[in-house]
Every structure is written in structure tokens, then in C-alpha cells.
Amino acid sequence: MKCDTCGKESAEVKRVVVDKGYDRASAKPLYNCPECYEKKERSKSSAA
């Protein structure tokens, strides 16, 4: 599978659709490799 953020091939990709204060259910799906997923999660928690 391919990360939509960095383009790297990865055996695993993740996507958060709904979380507290976060709803991307109607947005274009973007899947992230574990590294990009963690970066995104850290940026969400620091923005709160």
C-alpha cells in the first residue's frame, strides 16, 4: 500500500475518520503510513 502523504510504500496504512472534534467522514480518504500517521496525531494533540 502507498502513503497518501509521503508516497512511501508501506505494509500498513491508517486513516482516522471520526475522533473528538474531528470528522472527516465526507472528505476524500487519505491513508498514512505509520510515521505520517504518528506525525498527524502529534500535531492534532498539540493544536488542542
PDB file of N, CA and C in Angstrom:
ATOM      1  N   MET A   1       0.833  -1.165   0.000  1.00  0.00           N
ATOM      2  CA  MET A   1       0.000   0.000   0.000  1.00  0.00           C
ATOM      3  C   MET A   1       0.885   1.238   0.000  1.00  0.00           C
ATOM      4  N   LYS A   2       0.304   2.348  -0.374  1.00  0.00           N
ATOM      5  CA  LYS A   2       1.080   3.573  -0.517  1.00  0.00           C
ATOM      6  C   LYS A   2       0.509   4.676   0.373  1.00  0.00           C
ATOM      7  N   CYS A   3       1.396   5.385   1.062  1.00  0.00           N
ATOM      8  CA  CYS A   3       1.008   6.510   1.907  1.00  0.00           C
ATOM      9  C   CYS A   3       0.604   7.685   1.025  1.00  0.00           C
ATOM     10  N   ASP A   4      -0.580   8.241   1.278  1.00  0.00           N
ATOM     11  CA  ASP A   4      -1.045   9.390   0.504  1.00  0.00           C
ATOM     12  C   ASP A   4      -0.324  10.675   0.885  1.00  0.00           C
ATOM     13  N   THR A   5       0.361  10.699   2.023  1.00  0.00           N
ATOM     14  CA  THR A   5       1.054  11.901   2.465  1.00  0.00           C
ATOM     15  C   THR A   5       2.481  11.968   1.928  1.00  0.00           C
ATOM     16  N   CYS A   6       3.264  10.902   2.140  1.00  0.00           N
ATOM     17  CA  CYS A   6       4.674  10.945   1.721  1.00  0.00           C
ATOM     18  C   CYS A   6       4.959  10.117   0.464  1.00  0.00           C
ATOM     19  N   GLY A   7       4.020   9.237   0.072  1.00  0.00           N
ATOM     20  CA  GLY A   7       4.201   8.431  -1.126  1.00  0.00           C
ATOM     21  C   GLY A   7       4.973   7.143  -0.920  1.00  0.00           C
ATOM     22  N   LYS A   8       5.413   6.891   0.310  1.00  0.00           N
ATOM     23  CA  LYS A   8       6.213   5.707   0.605  1.00  0.00           C
ATOM     24  C   LYS A   8       5.343   4.450   0.583  1.00  0.00           C
ATOM     25  N   GLU A   9       5.894   3.353   0.063  1.00  0.00           N
ATOM     26  CA  GLU A   9       5.219   2.058   0.128  1.00  0.00           C
ATOM     27  C   GLU A   9       5.297   1.564   1.561  1.00  0.00           C
ATOM     28  N   SER A  10       4.191   1.019   2.063  1.00  0.00           N
ATOM     29  CA  SER A  10       4.129   0.557   3.436  1.00  0.00           C
ATOM     30  C   SER A  10       3.239  -0.674   3.521  1.00  0.00           C
ATOM     31  N   ALA A  11       3.571  -1.573   4.435  1.00  0.00           N
ATOM     32  CA  ALA A  11       2.746  -2.762   4.638  1.00  0.00           C
ATOM     33  C   ALA A  11       1.448  -2.406   5.347  1.00  0.00           C
ATOM     34  N   GLU A  12       1.419  -1.241   6.008  1.00  0.00           N
ATOM     35  CA  GLU A  12       0.240  -0.811   6.767  1.00  0.00           C
ATOM     36  C   GLU A  12      -0.012   0.674   6.528  1.00  0.00           C
ATOM     37  N   VAL A  13      -1.259   1.035   6.331  1.00  0.00           N
ATOM     38  CA  VAL A  13      -1.660   2.442   6.276  1.00  0.00           C
ATOM     39  C   VAL A  13      -2.866   2.619   7.191  1.00  0.00           C
ATOM     40  N   LYS A  14      -3.042   3.850   7.706  1.00  0.00           N
ATOM     41  CA  LYS A  14      -4.121   4.137   8.649  1.00  0.00           C
ATOM     42  C   LYS A  14      -4.857   5.400   8.230  1.00  0.00           C
ATOM     43  N   ARG A  15      -6.115   5.490   8.715  1.00  0.00           N
ATOM     44  CA  ARG A  15      -6.913   6.677   8.469  1.00  0.00           C
ATOM     45  C   ARG A  15      -7.831   6.890   9.668  1.00  0.00           C
ATOM     46  N   VAL A  16      -7.829   8.099  10.211  1.00  0.00           N
ATOM     47  CA  VAL A  16      -8.783   8.452  11.252  1.00  0.00           C
ATOM     48  C   VAL A  16      -9.940   9.161  10.564  1.00  0.00           C
ATOM     49  N   VAL A  17     -11.148   8.649  10.781  1.00  0.00           N
ATOM     50  CA  VAL A  17     -12.328   9.232  10.147  1.00  0.00           C
ATOM     51  C   VAL A  17     -13.055  10.141  11.130  1.00  0.00           C
ATOM     52  N   VAL A  18     -13.312   9.630  12.337  1.00  0.00           N
ATOM     53  CA  VAL A  18     -14.028  10.406  13.348  1.00  0.00           C
ATOM     54  C   VAL A  18     -13.279  10.294  14.669  1.00  0.00           C
ATOM     55  N   ASP A  19     -13.074  11.433  15.305  1.00  0.00           N
ATOM     56  CA  ASP A  19     -12.430  11.500  16.611  1.00  0.00           C
ATOM     57  C   ASP A  19     -13.029  12.716  17.321  1.00  0.00           C
ATOM     58  N   LYS A  20     -12.711  12.908  18.568  1.00  0.00           N
ATOM     59  CA  LYS A  20     -13.235  14.060  19.307  1.00  0.00           C
ATOM     60  C   LYS A  20     -12.860  15.357  18.587  1.00  0.00           C
ATOM     61  N   GLY A  21     -13.868  16.107  18.147  1.00  0.00           N
ATOM     62  CA  GLY A  21     -13.622  17.363  17.442  1.00  0.00           C
ATOM     63  C   GLY A  21     -13.089  17.187  16.026  1.00  0.00           C
ATOM     64  N   TYR A  22     -13.200  15.998  15.466  1.00  0.00           N
ATOM     65  CA  TYR A  22     -12.614  15.698  14.155  1.00  0.00           C
ATOM     66  C   TYR A  22     -13.556  14.764  13.410  1.00  0.00           C
ATOM     67  N   ASP A  23     -14.067  15.200  12.267  1.00  0.00           N
ATOM     68  CA  ASP A  23     -14.963  14.371  11.468  1.00  0.00           C
ATOM     69  C   ASP A  23     -14.626  14.529   9.998  1.00  0.00           C
ATOM     70  N   ARG A  24     -14.029  13.500   9.433  1.00  0.00           N
ATOM     71  CA  ARG A  24     -13.643  13.525   8.013  1.00  0.00           C
ATOM     72  C   ARG A  24     -14.438  12.489   7.228  1.00  0.00           C
ATOM     73  N   ALA A  25     -15.619  12.123   7.733  1.00  0.00           N
ATOM     74  CA  ALA A  25     -16.429  11.081   7.107  1.00  0.00           C
ATOM     75  C   ALA A  25     -16.801  11.419   5.667  1.00  0.00           C
ATOM     76  N   SER A  26     -16.988  12.687   5.361  1.00  0.00           N
ATOM     77  CA  SER A  26     -17.389  13.053   3.995  1.00  0.00           C
ATOM     78  C   SER A  26     -16.216  13.564   3.153  1.00  0.00           C
ATOM     79  N   ALA A  27     -15.008  13.553   3.704  1.00  0.00           N
ATOM     80  CA  ALA A  27     -13.827  14.031   2.981  1.00  0.00           C
ATOM     81  C   ALA A  27     -13.221  12.911   2.136  1.00  0.00           C
ATOM     82  N   LYS A  28     -12.421  13.305   1.174  1.00  0.00           N
ATOM     83  CA  LYS A  28     -11.678  12.331   0.364  1.00  0.00           C
ATOM     84  C   LYS A  28     -10.779  11.518   1.296  1.00  0.00           C
ATOM     85  N   PRO A  29     -10.826  10.184   1.216  1.00  0.00           N
ATOM     86  CA  PRO A  29      -9.994   9.379   2.118  1.00  0.00           C
ATOM     87  C   PRO A  29      -8.502   9.533   1.821  1.00  0.00           C
ATOM     88  N   LEU A  30      -7.737   9.773   2.877  1.00  0.00           N
ATOM     89  CA  LEU A  30      -6.281   9.834   2.792  1.00  0.00           C
ATOM     90  C   LEU A  30      -5.720   8.845   3.791  1.00  0.00           C
ATOM     91  N   TYR A  31      -4.851   7.976   3.317  1.00  0.00           N
ATOM     92  CA  TYR A  31      -4.263   6.935   4.162  1.00  0.00           C
ATOM     93  C   TYR A  31      -2.796   7.240   4.398  1.00  0.00           C
ATOM     94  N   ASN A  32      -2.351   7.047   5.639  1.00  0.00           N
ATOM     95  CA  ASN A  32      -0.986   7.383   6.042  1.00  0.00           C
ATOM     96  C   ASN A  32      -0.214   6.170   6.519  1.00  0.00           C
ATOM     97  N   CYS A  33       1.085   6.149   6.196  1.00  0.00           N
ATOM     98  CA  CYS A  33       1.983   5.137   6.735  1.00  0.00           C
ATOM     99  C   CYS A  33       2.104   5.387   8.241  1.00  0.00           C
ATOM    100  N   PRO A  34       2.631   4.446   9.007  1.00  0.00           N
ATOM    101  CA  PRO A  34       2.729   4.641  10.459  1.00  0.00           C
ATOM    102  C   PRO A  34       3.464   5.925  10.865  1.00  0.00           C
ATOM    103  N   GLU A  35       4.513   6.304  10.161  1.00  0.00           N
ATOM    104  CA  GLU A  35       5.271   7.504  10.511  1.00  0.00           C
ATOM    105  C   GLU A  35       4.441   8.763  10.293  1.00  0.00           C
ATOM    106  N   CYS A  36       3.776   8.877   9.148  1.00  0.00           N
ATOM    107  CA  CYS A  36       2.958  10.058   8.864  1.00  0.00           C
ATOM    108  C   CYS A  36       1.731  10.100   9.772  1.00  0.00           C
ATOM    109  N   TYR A  37       1.185   8.934  10.090  1.00  0.00           N
ATOM    110  CA  TYR A  37       0.050   8.857  10.999  1.00  0.00           C
ATOM    111  C   TYR A  37       0.430   9.411  12.372  1.00  0.00           C
ATOM    112  N   GLU A  38       1.584   9.005  12.893  1.00  0.00           N
ATOM    113  CA  GLU A  38       2.033   9.486  14.197  1.00  0.00           C
ATOM    114  C   GLU A  38       2.281  10.989  14.183  1.00  0.00           C
ATOM    115  N   LYS A  39       2.890  11.505  13.111  1.00  0.00           N
ATOM    116  CA  LYS A  39       3.116  12.950  12.990  1.00  0.00           C
ATOM    117  C   LYS A  39       1.791  13.694  13.026  1.00  0.00           C
ATOM    118  N   LYS A  40       0.797  13.182  12.300  1.00  0.00           N
ATOM    119  CA  LYS A  40      -0.511  13.825  12.252  1.00  0.00           C
ATOM    120  C   LYS A  40      -1.174  13.796  13.624  1.00  0.00           C
ATOM    121  N   GLU A  41      -1.091  12.662  14.321  1.00  0.00           N
ATOM    122  CA  GLU A  41      -1.682  12.557  15.653  1.00  0.00           C
ATOM    123  C   GLU A  41      -1.014  13.527  16.626  1.00  0.00           C
ATOM    124  N   ARG A  42       0.310  13.654  16.567  1.00  0.00           N
ATOM    125  CA  ARG A  42       1.018  14.590  17.443  1.00  0.00           C
ATOM    126  C   ARG A  42       0.607  16.032  17.139  1.00  0.00           C
ATOM    127  N   SER A  43       0.452  16.372  15.866  1.00  0.00           N
ATOM    128  CA  SER A  43       0.072  17.747  15.521  1.00  0.00           C
ATOM    129  C   SER A  43      -1.351  18.050  15.958  1.00  0.00           C
ATOM    130  N   LYS A  44      -2.252  17.049  15.921  1.00  0.00           N
ATOM    131  CA  LYS A  44      -3.620  17.254  16.388  1.00  0.00           C
ATOM    132  C   LYS A  44      -3.640  17.495  17.890  1.00  0.00           C
ATOM    133  N   SER A  45      -2.841  16.755  18.642  1.00  0.00           N
ATOM    134  CA  SER A  45      -2.851  16.913  20.097  1.00  0.00           C
ATOM    135  C   SER A  45      -2.185  18.222  20.534  1.00  0.00           C
ATOM    136  N   SER A  46      -1.211  18.705  19.788  1.00  0.00           N
ATOM    137  CA  SER A  46      -0.561  19.968  20.149  1.00  0.00           C
ATOM    138  C   SER A  46      -1.411  21.170  19.740  1.00  0.00           C
ATOM    139  N   ALA A  47      -2.348  20.971  18.802  1.00  0.00           N
ATOM    140  CA  ALA A  47      -3.224  22.062  18.370  1.00  0.00           C
ATOM    141  C   ALA A  47      -4.414  22.221  19.320  1.00  0.00           C
ATOM    142  N   ALA A  48      -4.644  21.214  20.144  1.00  0.00           N
ATOM    143  CA  ALA A  48      -5.814  21.251  21.045  1.00  0.00           C
ATOM    144  C   ALA A  48      -5.620  22.123  22.250  1.00  0.00           C
TER     145      ALA A  48
END
